Amino acid sequence: MNDQLKKDEKNGDITEDELRSGTEDVQKATDNSIKEIDQMIADKEKDIMSV
């Protein structure tokens, strides 16, 4: 996604500010996904250890 944003900015389809904003949005989504996955792993570890 970031690569596409960079290409769009280079081609003049989006501004530098839009590139920065889009990149920040992608990073926030990535961070949230990592947190969710980490929580799923922790829950699964608890489940396995309780058996």
PDB file of N, CA and C in Angstrom:
ATOM      1  N   MET A   1       0.817  -1.185   0.000  1.00  0.00           N
ATOM      2  CA  MET A   1       0.000   0.000   0.000  1.00  0.00           C
ATOM      3  C   MET A   1       0.868   1.259   0.000  1.00  0.00           C
ATOM      4  N   ASN A   2       1.914   1.262   0.819  1.00  0.00           N
ATOM      5  CA  ASN A   2       2.791   2.432   0.865  1.00  0.00           C
ATOM      6  C   ASN A   2       3.460   2.671  -0.483  1.00  0.00           C
ATOM      7  N   ASP A   3       3.827   1.577  -1.172  1.00  0.00           N
ATOM      8  CA  ASP A   3       4.451   1.727  -2.484  1.00  0.00           C
ATOM      9  C   ASP A   3       3.503   2.405  -3.464  1.00  0.00           C
ATOM     10  N   GLN A   4       2.231   2.020  -3.411  1.00  0.00           N
ATOM     11  CA  GLN A   4       1.242   2.634  -4.297  1.00  0.00           C
ATOM     12  C   GLN A   4       1.076   4.117  -3.977  1.00  0.00           C
ATOM     13  N   LEU A   5       1.061   4.444  -2.697  1.00  0.00           N
ATOM     14  CA  LEU A   5       0.952   5.854  -2.306  1.00  0.00           C
ATOM     15  C   LEU A   5       2.142   6.656  -2.837  1.00  0.00           C
ATOM     16  N   LYS A   6       3.339   6.078  -2.736  1.00  0.00           N
ATOM     17  CA  LYS A   6       4.540   6.765  -3.219  1.00  0.00           C
ATOM     18  C   LYS A   6       4.479   6.972  -4.731  1.00  0.00           C
ATOM     19  N   LYS A   7       3.995   5.956  -5.453  1.00  0.00           N
ATOM     20  CA  LYS A   7       3.859   6.086  -6.905  1.00  0.00           C
ATOM     21  C   LYS A   7       2.852   7.176  -7.251  1.00  0.00           C
ATOM     22  N   ASP A   8       1.733   7.192  -6.527  1.00  0.00           N
ATOM     23  CA  ASP A   8       0.705   8.202  -6.777  1.00  0.00           C
ATOM     24  C   ASP A   8       1.241   9.610  -6.530  1.00  0.00           C
ATOM     25  N   GLU A   9       2.039   9.773  -5.482  1.00  0.00           N
ATOM     26  CA  GLU A   9       2.610  11.087  -5.169  1.00  0.00           C
ATOM     27  C   GLU A   9       3.616  11.487  -6.250  1.00  0.00           C
ATOM     28  N   LYS A  10       4.428  10.530  -6.686  1.00  0.00           N
ATOM     29  CA  LYS A  10       5.427  10.806  -7.718  1.00  0.00           C
ATOM     30  C   LYS A  10       4.759  11.210  -9.031  1.00  0.00           C
ATOM     31  N   ASN A  11       3.621  10.568  -9.334  1.00  0.00           N
ATOM     32  CA  ASN A  11       2.892  10.873 -10.566  1.00  0.00           C
ATOM     33  C   ASN A  11       2.055  12.145 -10.454  1.00  0.00           C
ATOM     34  N   GLY A  12       1.975  12.717  -9.258  1.00  0.00           N
ATOM     35  CA  GLY A  12       1.205  13.933  -9.060  1.00  0.00           C
ATOM     36  C   GLY A  12      -0.267  13.689  -8.790  1.00  0.00           C
ATOM     37  N   ASP A  13      -0.633  12.420  -8.553  1.00  0.00           N
ATOM     38  CA  ASP A  13      -2.032  12.092  -8.276  1.00  0.00           C
ATOM     39  C   ASP A  13      -2.455  12.504  -6.871  1.00  0.00           C
ATOM     40  N   ILE A  14      -1.498  12.534  -5.943  1.00  0.00           N
ATOM     41  CA  ILE A  14      -1.775  12.966  -4.575  1.00  0.00           C
ATOM     42  C   ILE A  14      -0.666  13.918  -4.136  1.00  0.00           C
ATOM     43  N   THR A  15      -0.960  14.712  -3.118  1.00  0.00           N
ATOM     44  CA  THR A  15       0.034  15.658  -2.608  1.00  0.00           C
ATOM     45  C   THR A  15       0.942  14.968  -1.599  1.00  0.00           C
ATOM     46  N   GLU A  16       2.012  15.654  -1.238  1.00  0.00           N
ATOM     47  CA  GLU A  16       2.932  15.126  -0.232  1.00  0.00           C
ATOM     48  C   GLU A  16       2.221  14.958   1.111  1.00  0.00           C
ATOM     49  N   ASP A  17       1.330  15.892   1.435  1.00  0.00           N
ATOM     50  CA  ASP A  17       0.561  15.788   2.681  1.00  0.00           C
ATOM     51  C   ASP A  17      -0.355  14.568   2.659  1.00  0.00           C
ATOM     52  N   GLU A  18      -0.977  14.310   1.510  1.00  0.00           N
ATOM     53  CA  GLU A  18      -1.838  13.133   1.385  1.00  0.00           C
ATOM     54  C   GLU A  18      -1.020  11.850   1.497  1.00  0.00           C
ATOM     55  N   LEU A  19       0.192  11.870   0.941  1.00  0.00           N
ATOM     56  CA  LEU A  19       1.096  10.725   1.062  1.00  0.00           C
ATOM     57  C   LEU A  19       1.412  10.466   2.528  1.00  0.00           C
ATOM     58  N   ARG A  20       1.776  11.511   3.248  1.00  0.00           N
ATOM     59  CA  ARG A  20       2.126  11.382   4.663  1.00  0.00           C
ATOM     60  C   ARG A  20       0.928  10.866   5.463  1.00  0.00           C
ATOM     61  N   SER A  21      -0.235  11.429   5.211  1.00  0.00           N
ATOM     62  CA  SER A  21      -1.447  11.015   5.915  1.00  0.00           C
ATOM     63  C   SER A  21      -1.786   9.561   5.608  1.00  0.00           C
ATOM     64  N   GLY A  22      -1.704   9.189   4.342  1.00  0.00           N
ATOM     65  CA  GLY A  22      -1.996   7.812   3.949  1.00  0.00           C
ATOM     66  C   GLY A  22      -1.021   6.831   4.565  1.00  0.00           C
ATOM     67  N   THR A  23       0.250   7.201   4.588  1.00  0.00           N
ATOM     68  CA  THR A  23       1.273   6.343   5.186  1.00  0.00           C
ATOM     69  C   THR A  23       1.014   6.162   6.679  1.00  0.00           C
ATOM     70  N   GLU A  24       0.626   7.236   7.358  1.00  0.00           N
ATOM     71  CA  GLU A  24       0.306   7.148   8.786  1.00  0.00           C
ATOM     72  C   GLU A  24      -0.901   6.244   9.017  1.00  0.00           C
ATOM     73  N   ASP A  25      -1.911   6.340   8.150  1.00  0.00           N
ATOM     74  CA  ASP A  25      -3.097   5.488   8.273  1.00  0.00           C
ATOM     75  C   ASP A  25      -2.741   4.016   8.103  1.00  0.00           C
ATOM     76  N   VAL A  26      -1.876   3.728   7.127  1.00  0.00           N
ATOM     77  CA  VAL A  26      -1.441   2.346   6.903  1.00  0.00           C
ATOM     78  C   VAL A  26      -0.694   1.839   8.133  1.00  0.00           C
ATOM     79  N   GLN A  27       0.168   2.666   8.714  1.00  0.00           N
ATOM     80  CA  GLN A  27       0.935   2.250   9.891  1.00  0.00           C
ATOM     81  C   GLN A  27       0.016   1.996  11.077  1.00  0.00           C
ATOM     82  N   LYS A  28      -0.993   2.842  11.267  1.00  0.00           N
ATOM     83  CA  LYS A  28      -1.945   2.642  12.365  1.00  0.00           C
ATOM     84  C   LYS A  28      -2.703   1.335  12.187  1.00  0.00           C
ATOM     85  N   ALA A  29      -3.132   1.047  10.966  1.00  0.00           N
ATOM     86  CA  ALA A  29      -3.850  -0.200  10.693  1.00  0.00           C
ATOM     87  C   ALA A  29      -2.946  -1.400  10.942  1.00  0.00           C
ATOM     88  N   THR A  30      -1.688  -1.291  10.539  1.00  0.00           N
ATOM     89  CA  THR A  30      -0.724  -2.367  10.768  1.00  0.00           C
ATOM     90  C   THR A  30      -0.513  -2.588  12.261  1.00  0.00           C
ATOM     91  N   ASP A  31      -0.328  -1.508  13.003  1.00  0.00           N
ATOM     92  CA  ASP A  31      -0.128  -1.612  14.450  1.00  0.00           C
ATOM     93  C   ASP A  31      -1.335  -2.253  15.133  1.00  0.00           C
ATOM     94  N   ASN A  32      -2.537  -1.857  14.726  1.00  0.00           N
ATOM     95  CA  ASN A  32      -3.749  -2.440  15.310  1.00  0.00           C
ATOM     96  C   ASN A  32      -3.853  -3.927  15.002  1.00  0.00           C
ATOM     97  N   SER A  33      -3.509  -4.313  13.790  1.00  0.00           N
ATOM     98  CA  SER A  33      -3.554  -5.727  13.414  1.00  0.00           C
ATOM     99  C   SER A  33      -2.559  -6.537  14.231  1.00  0.00           C
ATOM    100  N   ILE A  34      -1.386  -5.989  14.436  1.00  0.00           N
ATOM    101  CA  ILE A  34      -0.367  -6.676  15.232  1.00  0.00           C
ATOM    102  C   ILE A  34      -0.855  -6.865  16.662  1.00  0.00           C
ATOM    103  N   LYS A  35      -1.483  -5.843  17.245  1.00  0.00           N
ATOM    104  CA  LYS A  35      -2.020  -5.955  18.604  1.00  0.00           C
ATOM    105  C   LYS A  35      -3.078  -7.049  18.679  1.00  0.00           C
ATOM    106  N   GLU A  36      -3.969  -7.092  17.684  1.00  0.00           N
ATOM    107  CA  GLU A  36      -5.022  -8.109  17.673  1.00  0.00           C
ATOM    108  C   GLU A  36      -4.428  -9.509  17.565  1.00  0.00           C
ATOM    109  N   ILE A  37      -3.442  -9.676  16.703  1.00  0.00           N
ATOM    110  CA  ILE A  37      -2.806 -10.982  16.532  1.00  0.00           C
ATOM    111  C   ILE A  37      -2.076 -11.387  17.805  1.00  0.00           C
ATOM    112  N   ASP A  38      -1.364 -10.443  18.417  1.00  0.00           N
ATOM    113  CA  ASP A  38      -0.674 -10.740  19.674  1.00  0.00           C
ATOM    114  C   ASP A  38      -1.660 -11.192  20.747  1.00  0.00           C
ATOM    115  N   GLN A  39      -2.827 -10.555  20.803  1.00  0.00           N
ATOM    116  CA  GLN A  39      -3.845 -10.940  21.783  1.00  0.00           C
ATOM    117  C   GLN A  39      -4.379 -12.338  21.481  1.00  0.00           C
ATOM    118  N   MET A  40      -4.600 -12.643  20.210  1.00  0.00           N
ATOM    119  CA  MET A  40      -5.067 -13.978  19.830  1.00  0.00           C
ATOM    120  C   MET A  40      -4.053 -15.046  20.226  1.00  0.00           C
ATOM    121  N   ILE A  41      -2.780 -14.744  20.018  1.00  0.00           N
ATOM    122  CA  ILE A  41      -1.723 -15.688  20.386  1.00  0.00           C
ATOM    123  C   ILE A  41      -1.710 -15.891  21.895  1.00  0.00           C
ATOM    124  N   ALA A  42      -1.809 -14.815  22.656  1.00  0.00           N
ATOM    125  CA  ALA A  42      -1.813 -14.920  24.117  1.00  0.00           C
ATOM    126  C   ALA A  42      -3.007 -15.739  24.594  1.00  0.00           C
ATOM    127  N   ASP A  43      -4.183 -15.501  24.001  1.00  0.00           N
ATOM    128  CA  ASP A  43      -5.378 -16.267  24.370  1.00  0.00           C
ATOM    129  C   ASP A  43      -5.204 -17.744  24.039  1.00  0.00           C
ATOM    130  N   LYS A  44      -4.627 -18.034  22.897  1.00  0.00           N
ATOM    131  CA  LYS A  44      -4.426 -19.424  22.482  1.00  0.00           C
ATOM    132  C   LYS A  44      -3.418 -20.109  23.401  1.00  0.00           C
ATOM    133  N   GLU A  45      -2.361 -19.396  23.785  1.00  0.00           N
ATOM    134  CA  GLU A  45      -1.378 -19.966  24.707  1.00  0.00           C
ATOM    135  C   GLU A  45      -2.029 -20.310  26.042  1.00  0.00           C
ATOM    136  N   LYS A  46      -2.887 -19.421  26.551  1.00  0.00           N
ATOM    137  CA  LYS A  46      -3.604 -19.697  27.802  1.00  0.00           C
ATOM    138  C   LYS A  46      -4.473 -20.931  27.650  1.00  0.00           C
ATOM    139  N   ASP A  47      -5.166 -21.029  26.517  1.00  0.00           N
ATOM    140  CA  ASP A  47      -6.045 -22.164  26.254  1.00  0.00           C
ATOM    141  C   ASP A  47      -5.250 -23.464  26.217  1.00  0.00           C
ATOM    142  N   ILE A  48      -4.127 -23.455  25.549  1.00  0.00           N
ATOM    143  CA  ILE A  48      -3.297 -24.659  25.442  1.00  0.00           C
ATOM    144  C   ILE A  48      -2.728 -25.041  26.802  1.00  0.00           C
ATOM    145  N   MET A  49      -2.286 -24.074  27.571  1.00  0.00           N
ATOM    146  CA  MET A  49      -1.673 -24.355  28.870  1.00  0.00           C
ATOM    147  C   MET A  49      -2.693 -24.839  29.893  1.00  0.00           C
ATOM    148  N   SER A  50      -3.967 -24.518  29.697  1.00  0.00           N
ATOM    149  CA  SER A  50      -4.979 -24.929  30.671  1.00  0.00           C
ATOM    150  C   SER A  50      -5.454 -26.359  30.447  1.00  0.00           C
ATOM    151  N   VAL A  51      -5.066 -26.968  29.360  1.00  0.00           N
ATOM    152  CA  VAL A  51      -5.504 -28.337  29.056  1.00  0.00           C
ATOM    153  C   VAL A  51      -4.662 -29.345  29.768  1.00  0.00           C
TER     154      VAL A  51
END
